[in-house]
C-alpha atoms as a PDB file:
ATOM      1  CA  MET A   1      22.015  28.566 -13.394  1.00  0.00           C
ATOM      2  CA  SER A   2      20.566  25.476 -11.793  1.00  0.00           C
ATOM      3  CA  GLN A   3      20.658  27.261  -8.261  1.00  0.00           C
ATOM      4  CA  LEU A   4      18.396  30.024  -9.784  1.00  0.00           C
ATOM      5  CA  ILE A   5      15.890  27.430 -11.051  1.00  0.00           C
ATOM      6  CA  TYR A   6      15.874  25.608  -7.708  1.00  0.00           C
ATOM      7  CA  ALA A   7      15.219  28.884  -5.944  1.00  0.00           C
ATOM      8  CA  ARG A   8      12.418  29.782  -8.310  1.00  0.00           C
ATOM      9  CA  VAL A   9      10.803  26.366  -7.682  1.00  0.00           C
ATOM     10  CA  ARG A  10      11.083  26.635  -3.952  1.00  0.00           C
ATOM     11  CA  GLU A  11       9.615  30.127  -3.942  1.00  0.00           C
ATOM     12  CA  ASN A  12       6.634  29.047  -6.065  1.00  0.00           C
ATOM     13  CA  PRO A  13       3.400  28.871  -4.094  1.00  0.00           C
ATOM     14  CA  LYS A  14       2.291  25.813  -6.177  1.00  0.00           C
ATOM     15  CA  TYR A  15       5.502  23.943  -5.021  1.00  0.00           C
ATOM     16  CA  GLN A  16       4.819  24.899  -1.376  1.00  0.00           C
ATOM     17  CA  ALA A  17       1.278  23.672  -1.725  1.00  0.00           C
ATOM     18  CA  LEU A  18       2.450  20.430  -3.350  1.00  0.00           C
ATOM     19  CA  VAL A  19       4.931  19.661  -0.586  1.00  0.00           C
ATOM     20  CA  LYS A  20       2.334  20.530   2.187  1.00  0.00           C
ATOM     21  CA  ARG A  21      -0.435  18.408   0.646  1.00  0.00           C
ATOM     22  CA  ARG A  22       1.895  15.474  -0.216  1.00  0.00           C
ATOM     23  CA  GLY A  23       3.348  15.551   3.292  1.00  0.00           C
ATOM     24  CA  ARG A  24      -0.081  15.613   4.959  1.00  0.00           C
ATOM     25  CA  LEU A  25      -1.369  12.751   2.825  1.00  0.00           C
ATOM     26  CA  ALA A  26       1.653  10.595   3.601  1.00  0.00           C
ATOM     27  CA  ALA A  27       1.467  11.398   7.375  1.00  0.00           C
ATOM     28  CA  ILE A  28      -2.168  10.466   7.471  1.00  0.00           C
ATOM     29  CA  LEU A  29      -1.859   7.216   5.595  1.00  0.00           C
ATOM     30  CA  SER A  30       1.274   6.261   7.580  1.00  0.00           C
ATOM     31  CA  ALA A  31      -0.591   6.951  10.769  1.00  0.00           C
ATOM     32  CA  ILE A  32      -3.427   4.699   9.723  1.00  0.00           C
ATOM     33  CA  VAL A  33      -1.166   1.827   8.843  1.00  0.00           C
ATOM     34  CA  LEU A  34       0.962   2.311  12.018  1.00  0.00           C
ATOM     35  CA  VAL A  35      -2.186   2.360  14.245  1.00  0.00           C
ATOM     36  CA  ALA A  36      -3.638  -0.768  12.488  1.00  0.00           C
ATOM     37  CA  TYR A  37      -0.235  -2.752  12.774  1.00  0.00           C
ATOM     38  CA  TYR A  38       0.605  -1.613  16.360  1.00  0.00           C
ATOM     39  CA  SER A  39      -3.008  -2.238  17.516  1.00  0.00           C
ATOM     40  CA  PHE A  40      -2.879  -5.778  16.316  1.00  0.00           C
ATOM     41  CA  MET A  41       0.626  -6.289  17.895  1.00  0.00           C
ATOM     42  CA  MET A  42      -0.677  -4.980  21.162  1.00  0.00           C
ATOM     43  CA  VAL A  43      -3.535  -7.397  21.149  1.00  0.00           C
ATOM     44  CA  VAL A  44      -1.132 -10.240  20.220  1.00  0.00           C
ATOM     45  CA  ALA A  45       1.206  -9.297  23.108  1.00  0.00           C
ATOM     46  CA  PHE A  46      -1.401  -8.631  25.788  1.00  0.00           C
ATOM     47  CA  ALA A  47      -4.600 -10.463  24.896  1.00  0.00           C
ATOM     48  CA  PRO A  48      -3.476 -13.444  22.603  1.00  0.00           C
ATOM     49  CA  ALA A  49      -6.537 -15.459  23.837  1.00  0.00           C
ATOM     50  CA  MET A  50      -8.789 -12.938  22.152  1.00  0.00           C
ATOM     51  CA  LEU A  51      -7.304 -13.588  18.756  1.00  0.00           C
ATOM     52  CA  GLY A  52      -7.277 -17.305  19.338  1.00  0.00           C
ATOM     53  CA  LYS A  53     -11.052 -17.585  19.660  1.00  0.00           C
ATOM     54  CA  PRO A  54     -12.870 -19.319  16.833  1.00  0.00           C
ATOM     55  CA  LEU A  55     -14.834 -17.182  14.446  1.00  0.00           C
ATOM     56  CA  SER A  56     -17.985 -19.070  15.349  1.00  0.00           C
ATOM     57  CA  GLU A  57     -18.890 -22.312  17.262  1.00  0.00           C
ATOM     58  CA  GLY A  58     -17.234 -25.365  15.810  1.00  0.00           C
ATOM     59  CA  MET A  59     -14.914 -23.487  13.432  1.00  0.00           C
ATOM     60  CA  THR A  60     -11.233 -23.982  13.526  1.00  0.00           C
ATOM     61  CA  LEU A  61     -10.491 -20.592  12.019  1.00  0.00           C
ATOM     62  CA  SER A  62      -9.562 -18.033  14.668  1.00  0.00           C
ATOM     63  CA  ILE A  63     -10.505 -14.334  14.805  1.00  0.00           C
ATOM     64  CA  GLY A  64      -6.775 -13.364  14.381  1.00  0.00           C
ATOM     65  CA  ILE A  65      -6.458 -14.745  10.866  1.00  0.00           C
ATOM     66  CA  PRO A  66      -9.188 -12.461   9.174  1.00  0.00           C
ATOM     67  CA  ILE A  67      -7.987  -9.582  11.200  1.00  0.00           C
ATOM     68  CA  GLY A  68      -4.427  -9.971  10.089  1.00  0.00           C
ATOM     69  CA  ALA A  69      -5.527 -10.396   6.431  1.00  0.00           C
ATOM     70  CA  ALA A  70      -7.649  -7.293   6.725  1.00  0.00           C
ATOM     71  CA  ILE A  71      -4.572  -5.317   7.927  1.00  0.00           C
ATOM     72  CA  ILE A  72      -2.701  -6.503   4.802  1.00  0.00           C
ATOM     73  CA  VAL A  73      -5.577  -5.411   2.569  1.00  0.00           C
ATOM     74  CA  ILE A  74      -5.933  -2.127   4.228  1.00  0.00           C
ATOM     75  CA  SER A  75      -2.250  -1.446   3.561  1.00  0.00           C
ATOM     76  CA  TRP A  76      -2.667  -2.427  -0.168  1.00  0.00           C
ATOM     77  CA  LEU A  77      -5.749  -0.134  -0.367  1.00  0.00           C
ATOM     78  CA  LEU A  78      -3.927   2.849   1.192  1.00  0.00           C
ATOM     79  CA  THR A  79      -0.961   2.349  -1.203  1.00  0.00           C
ATOM     80  CA  GLY A  80      -3.590   2.532  -4.008  1.00  0.00           C
ATOM     81  CA  VAL A  81      -4.945   5.772  -2.508  1.00  0.00           C
ATOM     82  CA  TYR A  82      -1.477   7.327  -2.422  1.00  0.00           C
ATOM     83  CA  SER A  83      -0.768   6.204  -6.030  1.00  0.00           C
ATOM     84  CA  TYR A  84      -4.020   7.715  -7.090  1.00  0.00           C
ATOM     85  CA  PHE A  85      -3.049  11.092  -5.596  1.00  0.00           C
ATOM     86  CA  ALA A  86       0.478  10.838  -6.721  1.00  0.00           C
ATOM     87  CA  ASN A  87      -0.520  10.146 -10.352  1.00  0.00           C
ATOM     88  CA  GLY A  88      -3.497  12.515 -10.389  1.00  0.00           C
ATOM     89  CA  PRO A  89      -3.646  15.835  -8.454  1.00  0.00           C
ATOM     90  CA  PHE A  90      -0.018  15.689  -7.378  1.00  0.00           C
ATOM     91  CA  GLU A  91       1.181  15.052 -10.925  1.00  0.00           C
ATOM     92  CA  ASP A  92      -0.959  18.013 -12.236  1.00  0.00           C
ATOM     93  CA  LEU A  93       0.681  20.312  -9.695  1.00  0.00           C
ATOM     94  CA  THR A  94       4.094  19.080 -10.693  1.00  0.00           C
ATOM     95  CA  ASN A  95       3.445  19.670 -14.385  1.00  0.00           C
ATOM     96  CA  ASP A  96       2.091  23.099 -13.791  1.00  0.00           C
ATOM     97  CA  LEU A  97       5.227  23.845 -11.690  1.00  0.00           C
ATOM     98  CA  ILE A  98       7.499  22.639 -14.429  1.00  0.00           C
ATOM     99  CA  ARG A  99       5.716  24.727 -17.055  1.00  0.00           C
ATOM    100  CA  GLU A 100       5.867  27.892 -14.884  1.00  0.00           C
ATOM    101  CA  THR A 101       9.562  27.367 -14.013  1.00  0.00           C
ATOM    102  CA  ALA A 102      10.505  26.817 -17.673  1.00  0.00           C
ATOM    103  CA  GLU A 103       9.113  30.099 -18.720  1.00  0.00           C
END
């Protein structure tokens, strides 16, 4: 019996749309995070002096510190974006799918 339910879910266009949208969002957000982190690591590896420069004349805080903090904040924000979609539109699609499958 459960195999029949799984087959009905997989064949449902809403399920296919959910998988496609969720996968696309996850790929985009992952790409943004990876580009941010790896760009920072490349600058650390190949141009460390650039990150070591002070923010302004006479300051001891280097450019690298706020950039690193910004990368962390970007990651938090993107996690929030995914949570918003997972608990909003994706949850609505999932609930519709459950209702249709139960019928």
